[in-house]
Each structure stands twice: as structure tokens, then as C-alpha cells.
C-alpha atoms as a PDB file:
ATOM      1  CA  MET A   1      19.238  -7.516  -3.932  1.00  0.00           C
ATOM      2  CA  LYS A   2      21.988  -4.754  -2.783  1.00  0.00           C
ATOM      3  CA  ASN A   3      22.519  -1.984  -4.901  1.00  0.00           C
ATOM      4  CA  LYS A   4      26.208  -3.393  -5.840  1.00  0.00           C
ATOM      5  CA  GLU A   5      24.355  -6.567  -7.595  1.00  0.00           C
ATOM      6  CA  ILE A   6      21.748  -4.476  -9.309  1.00  0.00           C
ATOM      7  CA  ILE A   7      24.372  -2.313 -10.628  1.00  0.00           C
ATOM      8  CA  ALA A   8      26.341  -5.024 -12.322  1.00  0.00           C
ATOM      9  CA  LEU A   9      23.023  -6.064 -14.290  1.00  0.00           C
ATOM     10  CA  THR A  10      22.512  -5.171 -18.091  1.00  0.00           C
ATOM     11  CA  ASN A  11      19.786  -2.721 -18.779  1.00  0.00           C
ATOM     12  CA  GLN A  12      17.633  -5.850 -20.207  1.00  0.00           C
ATOM     13  CA  GLU A  13      18.836  -8.080 -17.433  1.00  0.00           C
ATOM     14  CA  LEU A  14      17.165  -4.743 -15.386  1.00  0.00           C
ATOM     15  CA  ILE A  15      13.966  -4.670 -17.233  1.00  0.00           C
ATOM     16  CA  GLU A  16      13.475  -8.787 -16.938  1.00  0.00           C
ATOM     17  CA  LYS A  17      14.098  -8.260 -13.149  1.00  0.00           C
ATOM     18  CA  VAL A  18      11.472  -5.822 -12.846  1.00  0.00           C
ATOM     19  CA  LYS A  19       9.013  -7.711 -14.437  1.00  0.00           C
ATOM     20  CA  ASP A  20      10.023 -10.472 -12.177  1.00  0.00           C
ATOM     21  CA  GLU A  21      10.395  -8.252  -9.098  1.00  0.00           C
ATOM     22  CA  LYS A  22       6.306  -6.715  -9.851  1.00  0.00           C
ATOM     23  CA  SER A  23       4.812 -10.015 -10.799  1.00  0.00           C
ATOM     24  CA  ALA A  24       6.332 -11.857  -7.348  1.00  0.00           C
ATOM     25  CA  LEU A  25       4.278  -8.408  -5.527  1.00  0.00           C
ATOM     26  CA  ASN A  26       1.546  -8.775  -7.032  1.00  0.00           C
ATOM     27  CA  LYS A  27       1.098 -12.400  -6.052  1.00  0.00           C
ATOM     28  CA  MET A  28       2.306 -11.357  -2.797  1.00  0.00           C
ATOM     29  CA  LYS A  29      -0.217  -8.888  -2.084  1.00  0.00           C
ATOM     30  CA  LEU A  30      -3.107 -11.290  -3.360  1.00  0.00           C
ATOM     31  CA  ASN A  31      -1.954 -13.935  -1.343  1.00  0.00           C
ATOM     32  CA  HIS A  32      -1.651 -11.532   1.629  1.00  0.00           C
ATOM     33  CA  SER A  33      -5.186  -9.989   0.952  1.00  0.00           C
ATOM     34  CA  ILE A  34      -6.955 -13.435   1.091  1.00  0.00           C
ATOM     35  CA  SER A  35      -4.658 -14.944   3.883  1.00  0.00           C
ATOM     36  CA  PRO A  36      -2.383 -13.340   5.607  1.00  0.00           C
ATOM     37  CA  ILE A  37       1.077 -14.585   4.919  1.00  0.00           C
ATOM     38  CA  GLU A  38       3.730 -15.863   7.472  1.00  0.00           C
ATOM     39  CA  ASN A  39       6.129 -12.481   6.971  1.00  0.00           C
ATOM     40  CA  PRO A  40       4.366  -9.170   5.707  1.00  0.00           C
ATOM     41  CA  ALA A  41       7.764  -7.610   5.765  1.00  0.00           C
ATOM     42  CA  LYS A  42       8.560  -9.930   2.275  1.00  0.00           C
ATOM     43  CA  ILE A  43       6.131  -7.249   0.628  1.00  0.00           C
ATOM     44  CA  ARG A  44       7.989  -4.311   1.648  1.00  0.00           C
ATOM     45  CA  VAL A  45      11.418  -5.663   0.636  1.00  0.00           C
ATOM     46  CA  SER A  46      10.051  -6.898  -2.475  1.00  0.00           C
ATOM     47  CA  ARG A  47       8.510  -3.238  -3.216  1.00  0.00           C
ATOM     48  CA  ARG A  48      11.991  -1.704  -2.415  1.00  0.00           C
ATOM     49  CA  ASN A  49      13.338  -3.632  -4.797  1.00  0.00           C
ATOM     50  CA  VAL A  50      11.424  -2.752  -7.892  1.00  0.00           C
ATOM     51  CA  ALA A  51      12.167   0.807  -6.908  1.00  0.00           C
ATOM     52  CA  ARG A  52      15.734   0.120  -6.811  1.00  0.00           C
ATOM     53  CA  VAL A  53      15.872  -1.298  -9.602  1.00  0.00           C
ATOM     54  CA  LEU A  54      13.400   1.367 -11.301  1.00  0.00           C
ATOM     55  CA  THR A  55      16.459   3.869 -10.430  1.00  0.00           C
ATOM     56  CA  GLU A  56      19.129   2.293 -11.847  1.00  0.00           C
ATOM     57  CA  ILE A  57      16.875   2.101 -14.822  1.00  0.00           C
ATOM     58  CA  ASN A  58      16.151   5.905 -14.800  1.00  0.00           C
ATOM     59  CA  LYS A  59      20.033   6.765 -13.798  1.00  0.00           C
ATOM     60  CA  ARG A  60      21.260   5.081 -16.615  1.00  0.00           C
ATOM     61  CA  ASN A  61      18.759   6.911 -19.400  1.00  0.00           C
ATOM     62  CA  LYS A  62      19.725  10.067 -17.929  1.00  0.00           C
ATOM     63  CA  ALA A  63      22.960   9.376 -18.456  1.00  0.00           C
ATOM     64  CA  SER A  64      22.784   8.464 -21.956  1.00  0.00           C
ATOM     65  CA  ASN A  65      20.907  11.285 -23.024  1.00  0.00           C
END
């Protein structure tokens, strides 16, 4: 997910996106620990997407205060 796409989302959509991404990340980590997944770089991409969305949420919270 690109930063332009993240910026276009509303606050509620960002919160939902974080929940979805975190659950997908946890699922991938669990599957990878049991048996190696085909592309382990997906874990890194998912982790970075979570960080991008959380950064945008924090940026908006600071701007509103």
C-alpha cells in the first residue's frame, strides 16, 4: 500500500486497516513458524504497511491537537 492511498483514507478506515493488517501479519508469522511460507518477504511488507498506517494515524492525531 502506497502512502498516497493511506492519506486518502478516513480515520475510521485507517483503524480498520490496522486491525486487518495486524491480523494478517500474525497469521503469516504463525504459518511461517509452523512451515516456511513461499515468500517470507511478505512478512516484512505487511509489517511495514502496519507501520505506515500507524504513522498516518499518529500524524493526524498530533495535527488535531
